[in-house]
Protein backbone atom coordinates (compact mmCIF):
# COMPACT_ATOMS: atom_id res chain seq x y z
CA MET A 1 0.00 0.00 0.00
CA ARG A 2 2.79 2.42 0.87
CA VAL A 3 4.38 2.13 -2.59
CA ILE A 4 1.09 2.75 -4.38
CA VAL A 5 0.24 5.83 -2.32
CA THR A 6 3.73 7.26 -2.94
CA ASP A 7 3.33 6.85 -6.72
CA ILE A 8 -0.03 8.56 -6.61
CA LYS A 9 1.41 11.54 -4.77
CA GLN A 10 4.11 11.93 -7.39
CA GLU A 11 1.63 11.98 -10.26
CA ALA A 12 -1.13 14.03 -8.63
CA PRO A 13 -1.54 17.60 -9.92
CA ALA A 14 -1.08 20.63 -7.74
CA PRO A 15 -4.07 21.39 -5.49
CA ALA A 16 -6.81 23.19 -7.33
CA ALA A 17 -7.46 26.85 -6.69
CA PRO A 18 -10.32 27.72 -4.30
CA PRO A 19 -13.67 27.88 -6.14
CA ALA A 20 -14.05 31.61 -5.51
CA LYS A 21 -10.76 32.39 -7.26
CA ARG A 22 -10.75 29.60 -9.83
CA TRP A 23 -13.20 31.26 -12.22
CA TRP A 24 -11.32 34.55 -12.07
CA VAL A 25 -8.36 32.80 -13.68
CA LEU A 26 -10.39 32.23 -16.85
CA PRO A 27 -10.82 35.87 -17.97
CA VAL A 28 -7.18 36.64 -17.14
CA VAL A 29 -5.69 33.86 -19.28
CA SER A 30 -8.35 34.36 -21.98
CA LEU A 31 -7.38 38.02 -22.31
CA ALA A 32 -3.75 37.01 -22.80
CA GLN A 33 -4.78 34.44 -25.41
CA LEU A 34 -6.85 37.08 -27.22
CA MET A 35 -3.85 39.40 -27.30
CA VAL A 36 -1.59 36.75 -28.83
CA VAL A 37 -4.10 35.68 -31.48
CA LEU A 38 -5.15 39.24 -32.26
CA ASP A 39 -1.62 40.23 -33.21
CA ALA A 40 -1.43 37.52 -35.85
CA THR A 41 -4.01 39.38 -37.97
CA ILE A 42 -4.53 42.90 -36.60
CA VAL A 43 -1.67 44.47 -38.58
CA ASN A 44 -2.74 42.98 -41.93
CA ILE A 45 -5.14 45.78 -42.84
CA ALA A 46 -2.84 48.38 -41.26
CA LEU A 47 0.15 47.25 -43.32
CA PRO A 48 -0.34 49.65 -46.29
CA SER A 49 -0.51 52.64 -43.93
CA ALA A 50 2.55 51.48 -41.99
CA GLN A 51 4.47 50.91 -45.22
CA GLN A 52 3.76 54.43 -46.46
CA ASP A 53 4.53 56.02 -43.09
CA LEU A 54 7.86 54.22 -42.57
CA GLY A 55 8.97 54.08 -46.21
CA MET A 56 9.13 50.28 -46.41
CA THR A 57 9.67 48.68 -49.80
CA ASP A 58 7.26 46.15 -51.28
CA ALA A 59 9.97 43.49 -50.97
CA ASP A 60 10.44 44.11 -47.24
CA ARG A 61 6.93 44.84 -45.96
CA HIS A 62 6.08 41.15 -45.49
CA TRP A 63 8.52 41.05 -42.56
CA VAL A 64 5.92 42.84 -40.44
CA ILE A 65 3.90 39.62 -40.66
CA THR A 66 6.71 37.12 -41.13
CA ALA A 67 8.87 38.26 -38.19
CA TYR A 68 6.04 37.59 -35.74
CA ALA A 69 5.14 34.23 -37.32
CA LEU A 70 8.74 32.97 -37.37
CA ALA A 71 9.56 33.91 -33.78
CA PHE A 72 6.23 32.66 -32.44
CA GLY A 73 6.09 29.40 -34.37
CA GLY A 74 9.80 28.62 -34.09
CA LEU A 75 10.13 29.14 -30.34
CA LEU A 76 6.88 27.66 -29.04
CA LEU A 77 8.33 24.31 -28.01
CA VAL A 78 11.21 26.01 -26.22
CA GLY A 79 8.74 28.38 -24.59
CA GLY A 80 6.72 25.43 -23.33
CA ARG A 81 9.75 23.89 -21.66
CA VAL A 82 10.80 27.24 -20.17
CA CYS A 83 7.29 27.57 -18.69
CA GLY A 84 7.75 24.32 -16.81
CA ALA A 85 11.20 25.25 -15.55
CA LEU A 86 10.28 28.77 -14.35
CA GLY A 87 6.74 28.03 -13.25
CA HIS A 88 3.67 28.75 -15.35
CA ARG A 89 2.46 31.81 -13.41
CA ARG A 90 5.90 33.42 -13.46
CA SER A 91 6.27 32.68 -17.18
CA PHE A 92 2.81 34.12 -17.78
CA THR A 93 3.82 37.35 -16.02
CA LEU A 94 7.11 37.66 -17.91
CA GLY A 95 5.32 36.98 -21.19
CA LEU A 96 2.76 39.73 -20.55
CA ILE A 97 5.39 42.32 -19.64
CA GLY A 98 7.66 41.44 -22.56
CA PHE A 99 4.79 41.42 -25.05
CA ALA A 100 3.60 44.85 -23.88
CA VAL A 101 7.10 46.35 -24.09
CA ALA A 102 7.67 44.94 -27.60
CA SER A 103 4.25 46.29 -28.66
CA GLY A 104 5.13 49.76 -27.37
CA ILE A 105 8.44 49.74 -29.27
CA GLY A 106 6.65 48.65 -32.45
CA GLY A 107 3.99 51.34 -32.11
CA ALA A 108 6.67 54.02 -31.70
CA ALA A 109 8.86 52.66 -34.53
CA ASN A 110 10.41 55.27 -36.81
CA SER A 111 11.75 52.80 -39.37
CA GLY A 112 10.89 49.47 -40.90
CA GLY A 113 13.81 47.77 -39.16
CA VAL A 114 12.61 48.80 -35.69
CA LEU A 115 9.10 47.59 -36.49
CA PHE A 116 10.41 44.24 -37.76
CA ALA A 117 12.49 43.77 -34.59
CA ALA A 118 9.54 44.71 -32.38
CA ARG A 119 7.28 42.23 -34.16
CA ALA A 120 9.92 39.53 -33.67
CA GLY A 121 10.04 40.48 -29.98
CA GLN A 122 6.27 40.10 -29.77
CA GLY A 123 6.64 36.61 -31.25
CA VAL A 124 9.33 35.65 -28.73
CA PHE A 125 7.21 36.60 -25.73
CA ALA A 126 4.06 35.17 -27.32
CA ALA A 127 5.91 31.83 -27.49
CA LEU A 128 6.23 32.03 -23.70
CA LEU A 129 2.80 33.52 -23.02
CA ALA A 130 0.61 31.19 -25.08
CA PRO A 131 1.71 27.87 -23.52
CA ALA A 132 1.76 29.45 -20.05
CA ALA A 133 -1.86 30.60 -20.44
CA LEU A 134 -3.13 27.21 -21.58
CA SER A 135 -1.09 25.41 -18.91
CA LEU A 136 -2.60 27.55 -16.17
CA LEU A 137 -6.05 26.67 -17.46
CA ILE A 138 -5.18 22.94 -17.48
CA LEU A 139 -3.88 23.03 -13.92
CA THR A 140 -6.70 25.20 -12.57
CA PHE A 141 -9.71 23.32 -13.95
CA THR A 142 -9.46 19.59 -13.24
CA ASP A 143 -13.15 18.73 -12.88
CA GLY A 144 -14.55 17.39 -16.15
CA ARG A 145 -17.65 19.60 -16.39
CA GLU A 146 -15.87 22.78 -15.25
CA ARG A 147 -13.01 21.99 -17.60
CA GLY A 148 -15.36 21.77 -20.59
CA LYS A 149 -16.95 25.15 -19.81
CA ALA A 150 -13.59 26.83 -19.21
CA PHE A 151 -12.05 25.46 -22.40
CA GLY A 152 -15.16 26.53 -24.32
CA VAL A 153 -14.69 30.14 -23.24
CA PHE A 154 -10.92 30.04 -23.78
CA ALA A 155 -11.23 28.53 -27.26
CA GLY A 156 -14.04 30.91 -28.20
CA VAL A 157 -11.94 33.92 -27.28
CA GLY A 158 -8.88 32.57 -29.08
CA ALA A 159 -10.69 31.48 -32.23
CA GLY A 160 -12.75 34.67 -32.46
CA GLY A 161 -9.58 36.72 -32.04
CA ALA A 162 -8.33 35.89 -35.53
CA ALA A 163 -11.44 37.39 -37.15
CA LEU A 164 -11.67 40.14 -34.55
CA GLY A 165 -8.11 41.17 -35.40
CA VAL A 166 -9.17 42.08 -38.92
CA VAL A 167 -12.11 44.10 -37.56
CA ALA A 168 -9.98 45.90 -34.97
CA GLY A 169 -7.22 46.56 -37.51
CA GLY A 170 -9.67 48.21 -39.89
CA LEU A 171 -11.30 50.35 -37.19
CA LEU A 172 -8.04 51.50 -35.61
CA THR A 173 -6.38 52.25 -38.95
CA GLU A 174 -9.33 54.22 -40.31
CA TYR A 175 -10.34 56.16 -37.18
CA ALA A 176 -7.11 56.40 -35.17
CA ASP A 177 -3.69 55.43 -36.55
CA TRP A 178 -1.99 52.18 -37.61
CA ARG A 179 0.29 52.47 -34.56
CA TRP A 180 -2.67 51.78 -32.29
CA CYS A 181 -2.83 48.27 -33.74
CA LEU A 182 0.26 47.73 -31.56
CA TYR A 183 -0.39 50.17 -28.73
CA VAL A 184 -3.70 48.43 -27.97
CA ASN A 185 -1.75 45.54 -26.44
CA ILE A 186 -0.42 47.71 -23.62
CA PRO A 187 -3.73 48.30 -21.77
CA MET A 188 -4.75 44.69 -22.46
CA ALA A 189 -1.53 43.40 -20.89
CA ALA A 190 -1.92 45.80 -17.94
CA ILE A 191 -5.43 44.49 -17.20
CA ALA A 192 -4.20 40.89 -17.38
CA LEU A 193 -1.29 41.71 -15.04
CA LEU A 194 -3.76 43.07 -12.48
CA GLY A 195 -5.39 39.64 -12.46
CA VAL A 196 -2.17 37.65 -11.96
CA PRO A 197 -2.47 37.63 -8.12
CA LEU A 198 -5.74 35.72 -8.56
CA ILE A 199 -3.83 32.83 -10.16
CA LYS A 200 -2.57 30.18 -7.77
CA ARG A 201 1.21 30.10 -7.57
CA ASP A 202 2.63 26.88 -9.05
CA ARG A 203 5.94 25.16 -8.51
CA PRO A 204 8.61 24.93 -11.23
CA SER A 205 9.12 21.46 -12.70
CA GLY A 206 12.49 20.52 -14.15
CA SER A 207 15.52 22.72 -14.72
CA LEU A 208 16.92 24.62 -17.68
CA ARG A 209 20.32 23.16 -16.80
CA ARG A 210 19.12 19.87 -18.29
CA LEU A 211 17.59 21.54 -21.34
CA ASP A 212 17.73 19.34 -24.41
CA LEU A 213 20.01 21.60 -26.51
CA PRO A 214 20.10 19.34 -29.62
CA GLY A 215 16.31 19.19 -29.49
CA VAL A 216 16.11 22.97 -29.12
CA LEU A 217 18.36 23.62 -32.12
CA LEU A 218 16.63 21.07 -34.35
CA SER A 219 13.08 22.14 -33.43
CA VAL A 220 13.74 25.87 -33.78
CA THR A 221 15.58 25.63 -37.09
CA GLY A 222 13.14 23.04 -38.46
CA LEU A 223 10.03 25.03 -37.58
CA VAL A 224 11.53 28.31 -38.79
CA CYS A 225 12.46 26.69 -42.12
CA LEU A 226 8.94 25.30 -42.56
CA VAL A 227 7.09 28.49 -41.61
CA TYR A 228 9.40 30.73 -43.67
CA GLY A 229 9.22 28.32 -46.59
CA PHE A 230 5.41 28.50 -46.52
CA THR A 231 5.46 32.32 -46.44
CA GLN A 232 7.76 32.39 -49.48
CA ALA A 233 5.88 29.75 -51.48
CA GLU A 234 3.06 32.07 -52.58
CA PRO A 235 5.18 34.93 -54.01
CA HIS A 236 7.94 32.72 -55.48
CA GLY A 237 6.14 29.45 -56.28
CA TRP A 238 6.45 25.99 -54.77
CA GLY A 239 9.10 25.00 -57.32
CA ASP A 240 11.45 27.85 -56.45
CA PRO A 241 14.87 26.45 -55.33
CA LYS A 242 14.88 28.60 -52.19
CA VAL A 243 11.38 27.46 -51.22
CA LEU A 244 12.18 23.80 -51.88
CA ALA A 245 15.40 24.03 -49.87
CA LEU A 246 13.54 25.58 -46.91
CA LEU A 247 10.69 23.05 -46.95
CA ILE A 248 12.87 19.98 -47.47
CA GLY A 249 15.35 21.24 -44.89
CA GLY A 250 12.55 21.85 -42.41
CA VAL A 251 11.13 18.34 -42.85
CA VAL A 252 14.59 16.76 -42.50
CA LEU A 253 15.42 18.77 -39.39
CA LEU A 254 12.12 17.89 -37.73
CA GLY A 255 12.66 14.24 -38.63
CA LEU A 256 16.04 14.38 -36.90
CA PHE A 257 14.33 16.12 -33.98
CA VAL A 258 11.99 13.14 -33.55
CA LEU A 259 14.93 10.72 -33.59
CA VAL A 260 16.81 12.77 -31.01
CA GLU A 261 13.77 13.07 -28.75
CA ALA A 262 13.24 9.30 -28.83
CA ARG A 263 16.72 8.82 -27.32
CA ALA A 264 17.02 11.89 -25.09
CA GLY A 265 17.01 11.44 -21.32
CA HIS A 266 15.19 14.75 -20.80
CA PRO A 267 13.52 15.45 -24.15
CA LEU A 268 12.26 18.87 -25.13
CA LEU A 269 9.06 17.21 -26.39
CA PRO A 270 8.31 13.78 -24.89
CA LEU A 271 6.95 11.76 -27.81
CA HIS A 272 4.16 10.21 -25.74
CA ILE A 273 2.44 13.60 -25.93
CA LEU A 274 2.09 13.19 -29.70
CA THR A 275 1.55 9.43 -29.93
CA HIS A 276 -1.35 9.37 -27.46
CA ARG A 277 -4.34 8.54 -29.69
CA THR A 278 -6.76 11.09 -28.22
CA ARG A 279 -4.24 13.91 -28.37
CA GLY A 280 -3.12 12.84 -31.84
CA ILE A 281 -6.64 13.17 -33.24
CA ALA A 282 -7.02 16.57 -31.56
CA PHE A 283 -3.70 17.86 -32.94
CA ALA A 284 -4.45 16.60 -36.47
CA SER A 285 -7.99 18.01 -36.56
CA VAL A 286 -6.81 21.45 -35.42
CA CYS A 287 -4.08 21.45 -38.07
CA VAL A 288 -6.65 20.58 -40.76
CA MET A 289 -9.03 23.30 -39.59
CA PHE A 290 -6.31 25.97 -39.57
CA ILE A 291 -5.10 24.97 -43.04
CA ALA A 292 -8.57 25.68 -44.40
CA MET A 293 -9.66 28.62 -42.25
CA PHE A 294 -6.73 31.00 -42.66
CA GLY A 295 -6.95 30.83 -46.44
CA PHE A 296 -10.70 31.34 -46.05
CA TYR A 297 -10.22 34.54 -44.03
CA LEU A 298 -7.81 35.86 -46.66
CA PHE A 299 -10.23 35.20 -49.52
CA VAL A 300 -13.21 36.76 -47.75
CA SER A 301 -11.16 39.87 -46.97
CA TYR A 302 -9.95 40.19 -50.58
CA TYR A 303 -13.33 39.37 -52.13
CA THR A 304 -15.29 41.87 -50.09
CA GLN A 305 -12.80 44.69 -50.74
CA THR A 306 -11.62 44.09 -54.32
CA ILE A 307 -14.78 42.63 -55.89
CA LEU A 308 -17.62 44.09 -53.79
CA GLY A 309 -15.85 47.37 -53.05
CA TYR A 310 -16.26 47.20 -49.26
CA SER A 311 -14.16 49.50 -47.08
CA PRO A 312 -11.69 47.84 -44.69
CA VAL A 313 -14.10 48.48 -41.82
CA LYS A 314 -17.09 46.99 -43.65
CA ALA A 315 -15.01 44.01 -44.72
CA GLY A 316 -13.97 43.51 -41.11
CA MET A 317 -17.56 43.73 -39.94
CA THR A 318 -18.42 40.88 -42.32
CA LEU A 319 -15.92 38.71 -40.48
CA LEU A 320 -17.39 39.84 -37.17
CA VAL A 321 -20.34 37.51 -37.88
CA ASN A 322 -17.81 34.68 -38.00
CA ALA A 323 -16.19 35.78 -34.74
CA VAL A 324 -19.53 35.88 -32.90
CA CYS A 325 -20.52 32.43 -34.20
CA THR A 326 -17.11 31.07 -33.25
CA THR A 327 -17.71 32.15 -29.67
CA ILE A 328 -21.19 30.61 -29.73
CA GLY A 329 -19.80 27.33 -31.10
CA ALA A 330 -17.15 27.16 -28.41
CA MET A 331 -19.10 28.31 -25.37
CA LEU A 332 -22.60 26.99 -26.07
CA ILE A 333 -22.38 24.02 -28.44
CA ALA A 334 -19.10 22.51 -27.27
CA GLY A 335 -19.52 23.64 -23.66
CA LYS A 336 -23.02 22.18 -23.32
CA SER A 337 -22.13 18.99 -25.23
CA ASN A 338 -19.03 18.17 -23.19
CA GLY A 339 -19.48 14.73 -21.64
CA ARG A 340 -22.81 14.18 -23.41
CA VAL A 341 -21.67 13.81 -27.02
CA PRO A 342 -18.52 11.80 -27.92
CA ALA A 343 -15.60 14.12 -28.58
CA ASN A 344 -14.81 12.57 -31.97
CA VAL A 345 -18.40 13.15 -33.09
CA LEU A 346 -18.08 16.82 -32.18
CA ILE A 347 -14.72 17.09 -33.95
CA ALA A 348 -15.95 15.42 -37.15
CA GLY A 349 -19.16 17.47 -37.10
CA SER A 350 -17.18 20.68 -36.63
CA LEU A 351 -15.00 19.94 -39.65
CA LEU A 352 -18.10 19.20 -41.73
CA SER A 353 -19.79 22.42 -40.59
CA ALA A 354 -16.79 24.50 -41.63
CA GLY A 355 -16.58 22.57 -44.89
CA LEU A 356 -20.23 23.29 -45.72
CA GLY A 357 -19.61 26.97 -45.05
CA MET A 358 -16.81 26.96 -47.62
CA LEU A 359 -18.90 24.93 -50.05
CA ILE A 360 -21.45 27.75 -50.10
CA LEU A 361 -18.80 30.25 -51.20
CA THR A 362 -17.68 28.02 -54.09
CA GLN A 363 -20.90 29.14 -55.81
CA LEU A 364 -19.89 32.81 -55.82
CA GLU A 365 -19.77 34.77 -59.07
CA THR A 366 -18.84 38.37 -59.79
CA ASP A 367 -22.49 39.29 -60.32
CA SER A 368 -23.97 37.17 -57.52
CA SER A 369 -27.14 38.87 -56.31
CA ASN A 370 -27.68 39.62 -52.62
CA VAL A 371 -24.21 38.31 -51.79
CA PHE A 372 -24.22 39.17 -48.10
CA ALA A 373 -27.48 37.42 -47.19
CA ALA A 374 -27.34 34.53 -49.65
CA TYR A 375 -23.66 33.58 -49.42
CA LEU A 376 -21.49 35.44 -46.94
CA THR A 377 -23.76 35.30 -43.87
CA PRO A 378 -24.56 31.55 -43.97
CA SER A 379 -20.91 30.82 -44.75
CA MET A 380 -19.72 32.95 -41.81
CA ILE A 381 -22.19 31.21 -39.49
CA LEU A 382 -21.28 27.64 -40.47
CA THR A 383 -17.51 28.18 -40.46
CA GLY A 384 -17.69 30.08 -37.17
CA LEU A 385 -19.73 27.42 -35.39
CA GLY A 386 -17.44 24.69 -36.73
CA LEU A 387 -14.23 26.47 -35.76
CA GLY A 388 -15.41 27.34 -32.26
CA CYS A 389 -16.82 23.91 -31.48
CA LEU A 390 -13.71 22.14 -32.76
CA LEU A 391 -11.23 24.30 -30.88
CA ALA A 392 -13.07 23.96 -27.58
CA THR A 393 -13.31 20.18 -27.98
CA ALA A 394 -9.80 19.70 -29.35
CA THR A 395 -8.21 21.89 -26.67
CA ASP A 396 -9.82 19.70 -24.04
CA ARG A 397 -8.78 16.42 -25.72
CA ALA A 398 -5.25 17.63 -26.53
CA THR A 399 -4.53 18.20 -22.86
CA VAL A 400 -5.90 15.01 -21.28
CA GLN A 401 -3.80 13.03 -18.81
CA LEU A 402 -1.17 15.73 -18.40
CA GLY A 403 0.77 16.27 -15.22
CA HIS A 404 2.35 19.53 -14.15
CA ALA A 405 5.67 18.74 -15.85
CA ASP A 406 4.15 18.11 -19.29
CA ALA A 407 1.44 20.80 -19.31
CA GLY A 408 3.69 23.53 -20.71
CA VAL A 409 5.27 21.57 -23.52
CA ALA A 410 1.96 19.95 -24.53
CA SER A 411 0.35 23.40 -24.65
CA ALA A 412 3.25 24.59 -26.78
CA ALA A 413 2.89 21.63 -29.15
CA TYR A 414 -0.82 22.41 -29.53
CA ASN A 415 -0.07 26.04 -30.43
CA THR A 416 2.72 24.94 -32.79
CA VAL A 417 0.30 22.76 -34.75
CA GLN A 418 -1.98 25.77 -35.16
CA GLN A 419 0.83 28.01 -36.40
CA VAL A 420 2.19 25.50 -38.89
CA GLY A 421 -1.31 24.75 -40.19
CA ALA A 422 -2.12 28.44 -40.61
CA ALA A 423 1.13 29.18 -42.44
CA PHE A 424 0.78 26.16 -44.73
CA GLY A 425 -2.90 26.78 -45.45
CA THR A 426 -2.41 30.45 -46.31
CA ALA A 427 0.44 29.65 -48.69
CA LEU A 428 -1.21 26.61 -50.28
CA LEU A 429 -4.66 28.08 -50.91
CA ASN A 430 -3.37 31.50 -51.95
CA SER A 431 -0.95 29.96 -54.45
CA ILE A 432 -3.75 27.80 -55.89
CA ALA A 433 -5.99 30.83 -56.27
CA THR A 434 -3.21 32.88 -57.89
CA SER A 435 -2.22 30.17 -60.39
CA VAL A 436 -5.85 29.46 -61.37
CA THR A 437 -6.50 33.17 -61.87
CA GLY A 438 -3.36 33.46 -64.01
CA GLU A 439 -4.45 30.61 -66.26
CA TYR A 440 -7.92 32.15 -66.58
CA LEU A 441 -6.50 35.50 -67.69
CA LYS A 442 -4.34 33.84 -70.32
CA GLU A 443 -7.49 32.49 -71.97
CA HIS A 444 -9.85 35.45 -71.43
CA GLY A 445 -7.62 38.52 -71.62
CA ALA A 446 -6.82 41.14 -68.98
CA GLY A 447 -9.88 43.40 -69.11
CA ARG A 448 -11.49 44.56 -65.89
CA ALA A 449 -14.41 42.13 -66.17
CA ALA A 450 -12.01 39.25 -66.94
CA VAL A 451 -9.78 40.15 -63.99
CA ASN A 452 -12.73 40.15 -61.59
CA ALA A 453 -14.10 36.89 -63.02
CA GLY A 454 -10.66 35.26 -62.93
CA THR A 455 -10.06 36.39 -59.35
CA VAL A 456 -13.37 34.96 -58.15
CA HIS A 457 -12.72 31.76 -60.11
CA GLY A 458 -9.36 31.40 -58.37
CA TYR A 459 -10.98 31.88 -54.97
CA THR A 460 -13.70 29.31 -55.64
CA VAL A 461 -11.24 26.66 -56.84
CA ALA A 462 -9.11 27.20 -53.73
CA LEU A 463 -12.23 26.95 -51.56
CA TRP A 464 -13.09 23.62 -53.23
CA VAL A 465 -9.65 22.41 -52.15
CA ALA A 466 -10.27 23.68 -48.61
CA PHE A 467 -13.62 21.88 -48.57
CA GLY A 468 -11.90 18.66 -49.68
CA ILE A 469 -9.30 19.01 -46.92
CA LEU A 470 -11.99 19.45 -44.26
CA LEU A 471 -14.07 16.57 -45.62
CA ALA A 472 -11.02 14.28 -45.64
CA GLY A 473 -10.26 15.32 -42.07
CA ALA A 474 -13.82 14.56 -40.93
CA LEU A 475 -13.74 11.14 -42.60
CA ALA A 476 -10.36 10.35 -41.02
CA VAL A 477 -11.70 11.23 -37.55
CA ALA A 478 -14.76 9.03 -38.19
CA VAL A 479 -12.56 6.10 -39.21
CA PHE A 480 -10.31 6.43 -36.18
CA SER A 481 -13.28 6.76 -33.85
CA GLN A 482 -14.58 3.39 -35.06
CA ARG A 483 -11.39 1.71 -33.94
CA ARG A 484 -11.15 0.65 -30.36
CA ASN A 485 -9.56 3.45 -28.37
CA ARG A 486 -6.95 1.87 -26.11
CA ASP A 487 -6.11 5.11 -24.33
CA PRO A 488 -7.36 5.09 -20.77
CA SER A 489 -9.94 7.69 -19.90
CA PRO A 490 -8.60 10.92 -18.43
CA PRO A 491 -8.19 10.80 -14.67
CA SER A 492 -10.70 12.92 -12.84
CA SER A 493 -8.86 13.34 -9.57
CA PRO A 494 -6.10 11.84 -7.41
CA ARG A 495 -8.81 10.40 -5.17
CA THR A 496 -10.17 8.34 -8.06
CA SER A 497 -6.69 7.06 -8.83
CA LEU A 498 -6.17 6.09 -5.19
CA ALA A 499 -9.46 4.18 -5.11
CA LEU A 500 -8.52 2.26 -8.23
CA SER A 501 -5.12 1.41 -6.85
CA ARG A 502 -6.61 0.10 -3.62
CA SER A 503 -9.13 -1.97 -5.57
CA GLU A 504 -6.36 -3.46 -7.67
CA LEU A 505 -4.33 -4.24 -4.55
CA SER A 506 -7.24 -5.96 -2.82
CA SER A 507 -7.93 -8.04 -5.93
CA ARG A 508 -4.40 -9.35 -5.78
């Protein structure tokens, strides 16, 4: 009996926060998550104004977007391990302060180089902040029903932030100044910092002295090569030697990373986090959703502004419908269905819902009548509900059976999958749309009507591809859910584990 009880104490999570304080943790970490996600899209609409103000060239302006994506995506796994070593609450605090400082520097930038460096700094601290926020949520909410509700809110805020970033970027650029797209992070970070004392202090797990340096080097360089390769694929083409070298190099480096982690005594990313069936399905489904959705956001933004003639603000307001429905899908559908509907059913249904939303837009034409009511609104609703429901469900399933030591790195892996999927999806779907439009113009000339028709034709073909990706993902989840799941169910509490151990002992 003594041995069993000792083992249980080693694996039990830290004591949960008192009920009165526990729910205050949710808005604090959700605000931080919103800030991180918002900055992935908020500067997109502001980019032309920033370029003109700072005198950036067309060849260099992409670094405003790319610098953030590379630092964030490349350093997430390292950030997850640092969270465990420093403690998740301390890492959360450092991430908030660093992100706010980098945002202030970017907002005050007087040259493109300063803005690029500030955006990279935002990415560095976001790589610490994002896994810390999710880890704190994992360690705070251990009850199954409370966990489902909390993850629903957290996922709704995070998923809606991508669309909300476009809305906020348009409003701030048009009615204030592009610099406020960065300054806005300072009051958000200050509010979140005021809530840090409400978060239960956690103990560090592990030490940076035993940091897996080969794993760090291979993961960072591999992820940076992949993400940068995806960003360069659209302007230069997938067959460009530089793009091929980056993508092949990234795949090789990440393959070596897996081999190193399998042999490492203290791996940066323990492979059992990825090979667990439940988590594996969650990671894969999120990657599929992000591949499709980020290209979708790009097309809707371009279509509404270049074809329909919407202003940036009106185009952003169109996506606001999607943001609201994303929150509804996460908080109401997924939150209420948690524990009542099998998770794989929710995941497959979410992918199908988003796919149907994209299928509607494949019917668009340049002269489509009543576009907003007949096409855009139902598409925004279906994709929003699907995205929100999937992220809430997948976030829950991706973090099952995690102790304190693995919470940070698992949270980082989950965010990494999202970043890689978003970068790949944007590059893939945008390059498909561009090539299809180019072929159309070769056959029909370059008149204004032909350009508009060719542009819409390119979008619809790319959306067919996105629909196919989502449908394939839903079918794959359905197939895997039919197979017997050998993963044990997530533990509900140390007390349950103790009761099971005693039962097993008595049976022997």
